[in-house]
Amino acid sequence: MMVVRSVGVHLGIFLLASSVAYRAWTTEAADDSARGIAGKIWEGTADQVEAVSFVSKVAQVRLVRHQDEEGAYYVGRFEKQSTKPAANPHTSTPSPSADGKKVSGAFIAVEQATALVDKLAPLHAFRVLGKLEEGRKAEFGFDSDQGTIGVTIAGESQSLRVGDSTPGGTDRYVSDVGSGQVYVIDGSVVRDLIGGDSRLLQRQLHAFSLEDVTRVKLHASDATAEYIRFEGKGEFWSTLGSADRKNETASNWMAKIQRLVASSYVEVPEPQAVSGAPIFTLEYFVGTKKVGFVELRRIPGETAGQFEFLARSETSRWYALVLRSIAEQVSADVQSLLGGQ
């Protein structure tokens, strides 16, 4: 009798351990993005995506595709309520705070939005779970409003309800609003949309690498100066006509210019803020081809006697606020550069 009881106890322990191991294995597999694709939620290509949106009880963000001579870019608009910090920024959805304050705005999105759209069309599923029974929806986070993703592809609208993150991972359960089918998708899609006004905002003013630029032309105060980059040395800039001699002022200034990044965008600046000549305009060339530009302007700040700075480039399209300390340093050196020719 004792032998039978002992065997039964050990068998129970074995089955429990096997169950735990199996759940751990399946969870681990479910959250390993290298495991392969289980299916497509919908078809389409990135250039067919016309708009992307995310709507939840605390935030709304919408991206609309535009096209110009530089290529595709997206205008983003957002409205959000102040929130409590998410328990885990990688897996949790923020909840509204008690003050109920809302902020809204618009921004330009290029690189990060392009990467997002590439994931959305076609949209792949890491797992296909099928339809859930009503009693099981809470297991996957569909018993509460965590947000809805909307995508318009070639005129056709698609919608997904967002559920919980997968156990122990960062991928996300989603449910097709039309069919009720449940899938697991790349969690970064949801994270990018939840924090769209920050994560998708185009910060870099140029898509090209400065390493590829061979010449720059500076315009300011009705004067012009040109500098060339010594081949093979990215931080070695010389006065035009003295290619073998490093111009320290120009080299240091070009390094500072790269630190100008957008912090927020101004869709329609005050007319007087952009009516006069900018502090400077810098044009970038690869060989004889102009590949980009940046212009910098100074505008009155909120505090009397203080200024803010707006920059605009071929990539930003709109004027963007940039860090004052960097802009002040860059502005201060302009006259030295113009006099260095």
Foldseek 3Di string as FASTA:
>chain_A
DVVVVVVVVVVVVVVVVVVVVVVVVVLVLLFDPVNDFPFWPDAAALVQWAKKWKDFPFKIKMWGWDADPVGIKTKMKMKGADFDDFPDLLWGATDHDDVRDMDIDMAIFDPLVSVLSRCVHRPTFRDWDFADDPVCCVVFANVDQRIKMWIAGNNDIWIWGWGGARPPHRWTWIATPPRRIIGTGRNVSVSCNSVVQQNRHFWFQDPDDLLQFAKKWKDAPNFIFIWGAANPDSLFIGGVVCNVDGDVLVSVLVVLVRQWIFPGFDPDDDCVQPVDAFLMKMWTDRVNDTDKIKTKTWDDDPDPPDIWMWMHMPRRNGTGTTDPVSVVVSSVSVVVRRVPD
